[in-house]
């Protein structure tokens, strides 16, 4: 079975709440790349979804 690091370019962890969303974009090895967050009504969700950029795969 292949290792995660061989299959994806990025991993995103998301913590959702009623008013805000918080996400961390990390390398497959676990090293953090970015910490993203925002309000539900001010585009925070779109900002988090766009953070993957051109990544080959994102596991959520």
C-alpha atoms as a PDB file:
ATOM      1  CA  UNK A   1       0.000   0.000   0.000  1.00  0.00           C
ATOM      2  CA  UNK A   2       1.473   3.405  -0.970  1.00  0.00           C
ATOM      3  CA  UNK A   3       2.258   6.051   1.628  1.00  0.00           C
ATOM      4  CA  UNK A   4       0.120   9.218   1.698  1.00  0.00           C
ATOM      5  CA  UNK A   5       3.168  11.329   0.808  1.00  0.00           C
ATOM      6  CA  UNK A   6       3.448   9.424  -2.488  1.00  0.00           C
ATOM      7  CA  UNK A   7      -0.169  10.117  -3.485  1.00  0.00           C
ATOM      8  CA  UNK A   8      -0.952  13.747  -2.663  1.00  0.00           C
ATOM      9  CA  UNK A   9       0.613  17.212  -2.744  1.00  0.00           C
ATOM     10  CA  UNK A  10      -1.304  18.628   0.215  1.00  0.00           C
ATOM     11  CA  UNK A  11      -3.534  17.694   3.115  1.00  0.00           C
ATOM     12  CA  UNK A  12      -6.212  20.035   4.491  1.00  0.00           C
ATOM     13  CA  UNK A  13      -7.727  19.766   7.943  1.00  0.00           C
ATOM     14  CA  UNK A  14     -10.868  21.821   8.559  1.00  0.00           C
ATOM     15  CA  UNK A  15     -12.600  22.778  11.804  1.00  0.00           C
ATOM     16  CA  UNK A  16     -16.061  24.205  11.112  1.00  0.00           C
ATOM     17  CA  UNK A  17     -18.184  26.244  13.464  1.00  0.00           C
ATOM     18  CA  UNK A  18     -21.429  28.154  13.158  1.00  0.00           C
ATOM     19  CA  UNK A  19     -19.775  31.530  12.479  1.00  0.00           C
ATOM     20  CA  UNK A  20     -16.227  30.661  11.391  1.00  0.00           C
ATOM     21  CA  UNK A  21     -14.172  28.008   9.635  1.00  0.00           C
ATOM     22  CA  UNK A  22     -10.515  27.283  10.382  1.00  0.00           C
ATOM     23  CA  UNK A  23      -8.265  25.166   8.164  1.00  0.00           C
ATOM     24  CA  UNK A  24      -4.647  24.136   8.002  1.00  0.00           C
ATOM     25  CA  UNK A  25      -2.908  23.301   4.755  1.00  0.00           C
ATOM     26  CA  UNK A  26      -0.020  20.891   5.336  1.00  0.00           C
ATOM     27  CA  UNK A  27       2.486  18.895   3.361  1.00  0.00           C
ATOM     28  CA  UNK A  28       1.792  15.152   3.277  1.00  0.00           C
ATOM     29  CA  UNK A  29       4.595  14.753   5.828  1.00  0.00           C
ATOM     30  CA  UNK A  30       2.596  16.872   8.298  1.00  0.00           C
ATOM     31  CA  UNK A  31       4.631  20.082   8.042  1.00  0.00           C
ATOM     32  CA  UNK A  32       2.219  23.046   8.104  1.00  0.00           C
ATOM     33  CA  UNK A  33       2.156  25.322   5.067  1.00  0.00           C
ATOM     34  CA  UNK A  34      -0.678  27.724   5.889  1.00  0.00           C
ATOM     35  CA  UNK A  35      -3.265  28.397   8.537  1.00  0.00           C
ATOM     36  CA  UNK A  36      -6.467  29.728   6.984  1.00  0.00           C
ATOM     37  CA  UNK A  37      -9.652  30.990   8.501  1.00  0.00           C
ATOM     38  CA  UNK A  38     -12.594  33.208   7.992  1.00  0.00           C
ATOM     39  CA  UNK A  39     -16.172  33.950   8.713  1.00  0.00           C
ATOM     40  CA  UNK A  40     -18.904  31.896   7.135  1.00  0.00           C
ATOM     41  CA  UNK A  41     -20.573  34.956   5.597  1.00  0.00           C
ATOM     42  CA  UNK A  42     -17.455  36.868   4.471  1.00  0.00           C
ATOM     43  CA  UNK A  43     -16.062  34.362   1.971  1.00  0.00           C
ATOM     44  CA  UNK A  44     -13.968  32.327   4.401  1.00  0.00           C
ATOM     45  CA  UNK A  45     -15.251  29.068   2.918  1.00  0.00           C
ATOM     46  CA  UNK A  46     -14.246  30.100  -0.633  1.00  0.00           C
ATOM     47  CA  UNK A  47     -10.826  31.223   0.613  1.00  0.00           C
ATOM     48  CA  UNK A  48     -10.222  27.844   2.235  1.00  0.00           C
ATOM     49  CA  UNK A  49     -11.391  25.895  -0.840  1.00  0.00           C
ATOM     50  CA  UNK A  50      -9.106  27.947  -3.082  1.00  0.00           C
ATOM     51  CA  UNK A  51      -6.037  27.294  -0.945  1.00  0.00           C
ATOM     52  CA  UNK A  52      -5.300  24.002  -2.677  1.00  0.00           C
ATOM     53  CA  UNK A  53      -4.261  25.896  -5.791  1.00  0.00           C
ATOM     54  CA  UNK A  54      -2.873  23.481  -8.358  1.00  0.00           C
ATOM     55  CA  UNK A  55      -2.370  20.619  -5.936  1.00  0.00           C
ATOM     56  CA  UNK A  56      -2.660  17.214  -7.536  1.00  0.00           C
ATOM     57  CA  UNK A  57      -4.884  15.848  -4.760  1.00  0.00           C
ATOM     58  CA  UNK A  58      -6.265  17.092  -1.495  1.00  0.00           C
ATOM     59  CA  UNK A  59      -7.465  14.693   1.219  1.00  0.00           C
ATOM     60  CA  UNK A  60     -10.059  16.152   3.559  1.00  0.00           C
END
